[in-house]
Amino acid sequence: MSILGKEVIGRFIDVTRYPHLSSSIPDRQLEIIEVIESKETSEIRSRYEQFLGGISAAPAAVTLGDEMIFIGDSTNNEGCVYYVDIEFGVFKLHESMEEFLNAIKP
């Protein structure tokens, strides 16, 4: 089982909604192409730990271009949604999964 359901595959993140993100990356939208299965989260988390800047979060999805969506999993960031780009950094998108799911477009 994954943190996000397969229904998010093929949906888009509108980068222009996030000024801090749109001023840092060249893309205007990010397509979600894969959800991370729970059996893969530990391995992926360990590979991305150096890029998370101390944020405790679990990998949830992959965007076109192999960048990642992470979900906060500690008491001070539980449910927060982050976009992690190994070139450009970590960007907090939403305070909750519900906000994120309402924001992504088909």
C-alpha atoms as a PDB file:
ATOM      1  CA  MET A   1       0.000   0.000   0.000  1.00  0.00           C
ATOM      2  CA  SER A   2       1.218   3.511  -0.734  1.00  0.00           C
ATOM      3  CA  ILE A   3       0.696   6.848   1.044  1.00  0.00           C
ATOM      4  CA  LEU A   4      -1.068   8.239  -2.032  1.00  0.00           C
ATOM      5  CA  GLY A   5      -3.514   6.260  -4.128  1.00  0.00           C
ATOM      6  CA  LYS A   6      -2.959   5.420  -7.773  1.00  0.00           C
ATOM      7  CA  GLU A   7      -5.665   7.959  -8.704  1.00  0.00           C
ATOM      8  CA  VAL A   8      -3.004  10.702  -8.489  1.00  0.00           C
ATOM      9  CA  ILE A   9      -1.074   9.193 -11.413  1.00  0.00           C
ATOM     10  CA  GLY A  10      -1.459  11.436 -14.438  1.00  0.00           C
ATOM     11  CA  ARG A  11      -2.449  14.464 -12.347  1.00  0.00           C
ATOM     12  CA  PHE A  12      -0.515  17.715 -12.497  1.00  0.00           C
ATOM     13  CA  ILE A  13       0.944  20.098  -9.953  1.00  0.00           C
ATOM     14  CA  ASP A  14       0.540  23.671 -11.204  1.00  0.00           C
ATOM     15  CA  VAL A  15       3.938  25.150 -10.305  1.00  0.00           C
ATOM     16  CA  THR A  16       2.677  28.702 -10.809  1.00  0.00           C
ATOM     17  CA  ARG A  17       0.570  28.332  -7.623  1.00  0.00           C
ATOM     18  CA  TYR A  18       3.778  28.207  -5.560  1.00  0.00           C
ATOM     19  CA  PRO A  19       5.883  31.379  -5.989  1.00  0.00           C
ATOM     20  CA  HIS A  20       8.864  29.917  -4.099  1.00  0.00           C
ATOM     21  CA  LEU A  21       8.869  26.887  -6.415  1.00  0.00           C
ATOM     22  CA  SER A  22       8.103  28.653  -9.711  1.00  0.00           C
ATOM     23  CA  SER A  23      10.952  31.100  -9.156  1.00  0.00           C
ATOM     24  CA  SER A  24      13.380  28.199  -8.630  1.00  0.00           C
ATOM     25  CA  ILE A  25      12.570  25.599 -11.274  1.00  0.00           C
ATOM     26  CA  PRO A  26      11.957  26.017 -15.019  1.00  0.00           C
ATOM     27  CA  ASP A  27       8.864  23.775 -15.159  1.00  0.00           C
ATOM     28  CA  ARG A  28       5.328  25.219 -15.085  1.00  0.00           C
ATOM     29  CA  GLN A  29       3.633  21.940 -14.265  1.00  0.00           C
ATOM     30  CA  LEU A  30       4.742  18.627 -12.828  1.00  0.00           C
ATOM     31  CA  GLU A  31       3.057  15.383 -13.786  1.00  0.00           C
ATOM     32  CA  ILE A  32       2.782  12.627 -11.192  1.00  0.00           C
ATOM     33  CA  ILE A  33       3.801   9.423 -12.937  1.00  0.00           C
ATOM     34  CA  GLU A  34       4.170   6.894 -10.127  1.00  0.00           C
ATOM     35  CA  VAL A  35       3.199   6.298  -6.504  1.00  0.00           C
ATOM     36  CA  ILE A  36       5.710   4.775  -4.115  1.00  0.00           C
ATOM     37  CA  GLU A  37       4.727   1.458  -2.590  1.00  0.00           C
ATOM     38  CA  SER A  38       5.286   1.158   1.162  1.00  0.00           C
ATOM     39  CA  LYS A  39       7.836  -1.645   0.691  1.00  0.00           C
ATOM     40  CA  GLU A  40      10.058   0.840  -1.197  1.00  0.00           C
ATOM     41  CA  THR A  41       9.831   3.813   1.186  1.00  0.00           C
ATOM     42  CA  SER A  42      12.788   2.915   3.429  1.00  0.00           C
ATOM     43  CA  GLU A  43      15.197   2.465   0.537  1.00  0.00           C
ATOM     44  CA  ILE A  44      14.074   5.643  -1.235  1.00  0.00           C
ATOM     45  CA  ARG A  45      14.065   7.658   1.991  1.00  0.00           C
ATOM     46  CA  SER A  46      17.678   6.653   2.663  1.00  0.00           C
ATOM     47  CA  ARG A  47      18.729   7.672  -0.867  1.00  0.00           C
ATOM     48  CA  TYR A  48      17.073  11.101  -0.504  1.00  0.00           C
ATOM     49  CA  GLU A  49      18.000  11.783   3.131  1.00  0.00           C
ATOM     50  CA  GLN A  50      20.929  13.990   2.140  1.00  0.00           C
ATOM     51  CA  PHE A  51      18.588  16.190   0.062  1.00  0.00           C
ATOM     52  CA  LEU A  52      15.839  16.580   2.698  1.00  0.00           C
ATOM     53  CA  GLY A  53      17.753  19.055   4.836  1.00  0.00           C
ATOM     54  CA  GLY A  54      16.726  17.455   8.123  1.00  0.00           C
ATOM     55  CA  ILE A  55      13.021  17.172   7.236  1.00  0.00           C
ATOM     56  CA  SER A  56      11.445  13.927   8.377  1.00  0.00           C
ATOM     57  CA  ALA A  57       9.298  12.758   5.474  1.00  0.00           C
ATOM     58  CA  ALA A  58       8.339   9.649   3.550  1.00  0.00           C
ATOM     59  CA  PRO A  59       8.472   9.376  -0.243  1.00  0.00           C
ATOM     60  CA  ALA A  60       4.998   9.228  -1.762  1.00  0.00           C
ATOM     61  CA  ALA A  61       5.190   9.824  -5.516  1.00  0.00           C
ATOM     62  CA  VAL A  62       7.462  10.436  -8.490  1.00  0.00           C
ATOM     63  CA  THR A  63       7.023  13.240 -10.996  1.00  0.00           C
ATOM     64  CA  LEU A  64       8.066  13.231 -14.640  1.00  0.00           C
ATOM     65  CA  GLY A  65      11.783  13.956 -14.557  1.00  0.00           C
ATOM     66  CA  ASP A  66      12.284  11.640 -11.556  1.00  0.00           C
ATOM     67  CA  GLU A  67      11.755  14.227  -8.837  1.00  0.00           C
ATOM     68  CA  MET A  68       9.802  13.281  -5.731  1.00  0.00           C
ATOM     69  CA  ILE A  69       6.809  14.160  -3.593  1.00  0.00           C
ATOM     70  CA  PHE A  70       7.368  13.503   0.121  1.00  0.00           C
ATOM     71  CA  ILE A  71       4.877  13.557   2.997  1.00  0.00           C
ATOM     72  CA  GLY A  72       5.971  14.802   6.419  1.00  0.00           C
ATOM     73  CA  ASP A  73       5.873  12.116   9.087  1.00  0.00           C
ATOM     74  CA  SER A  74       7.061  13.704  12.330  1.00  0.00           C
ATOM     75  CA  THR A  75       4.958  15.394  15.001  1.00  0.00           C
ATOM     76  CA  ASN A  76       5.835  18.895  13.775  1.00  0.00           C
ATOM     77  CA  ASN A  77       5.211  18.298  10.042  1.00  0.00           C
ATOM     78  CA  GLU A  78       2.832  15.344   9.843  1.00  0.00           C
ATOM     79  CA  GLY A  79       0.936  15.385   6.556  1.00  0.00           C
ATOM     80  CA  CYS A  80       2.825  18.334   5.047  1.00  0.00           C
ATOM     81  CA  VAL A  81       3.552  17.825   1.352  1.00  0.00           C
ATOM     82  CA  TYR A  82       6.998  18.572  -0.098  1.00  0.00           C
ATOM     83  CA  TYR A  83       8.402  18.617  -3.605  1.00  0.00           C
ATOM     84  CA  VAL A  84      12.032  17.437  -3.579  1.00  0.00           C
ATOM     85  CA  ASP A  85      14.247  18.264  -6.513  1.00  0.00           C
ATOM     86  CA  ILE A  86      17.850  17.120  -6.075  1.00  0.00           C
ATOM     87  CA  GLU A  87      19.097  20.080  -8.142  1.00  0.00           C
ATOM     88  CA  PHE A  88      16.922  22.854  -6.716  1.00  0.00           C
ATOM     89  CA  GLY A  89      16.053  21.747  -3.172  1.00  0.00           C
ATOM     90  CA  VAL A  90      13.035  21.023  -0.984  1.00  0.00           C
ATOM     91  CA  PHE A  91       9.824  23.012  -1.383  1.00  0.00           C
ATOM     92  CA  LYS A  92       6.875  22.809   0.990  1.00  0.00           C
ATOM     93  CA  LEU A  93       3.704  22.762  -1.098  1.00  0.00           C
ATOM     94  CA  HIS A  94       0.897  22.194   1.408  1.00  0.00           C
ATOM     95  CA  GLU A  95       0.191  21.823   5.096  1.00  0.00           C
ATOM     96  CA  SER A  96      -1.951  18.724   4.542  1.00  0.00           C
ATOM     97  CA  MET A  97      -2.576  15.872   2.140  1.00  0.00           C
ATOM     98  CA  GLU A  98      -6.161  17.089   1.723  1.00  0.00           C
ATOM     99  CA  GLU A  99      -4.959  20.508   0.480  1.00  0.00           C
ATOM    100  CA  PHE A 100      -2.537  18.801  -1.895  1.00  0.00           C
ATOM    101  CA  LEU A 101      -5.137  16.424  -3.307  1.00  0.00           C
ATOM    102  CA  ASN A 102      -7.544  19.324  -3.860  1.00  0.00           C
ATOM    103  CA  ALA A 103      -4.831  21.303  -5.669  1.00  0.00           C
ATOM    104  CA  ILE A 104      -3.595  18.756  -8.202  1.00  0.00           C
ATOM    105  CA  LYS A 105      -5.301  18.808 -11.594  1.00  0.00           C
ATOM    106  CA  PRO A 106      -6.381  15.958 -13.853  1.00  0.00           C
END
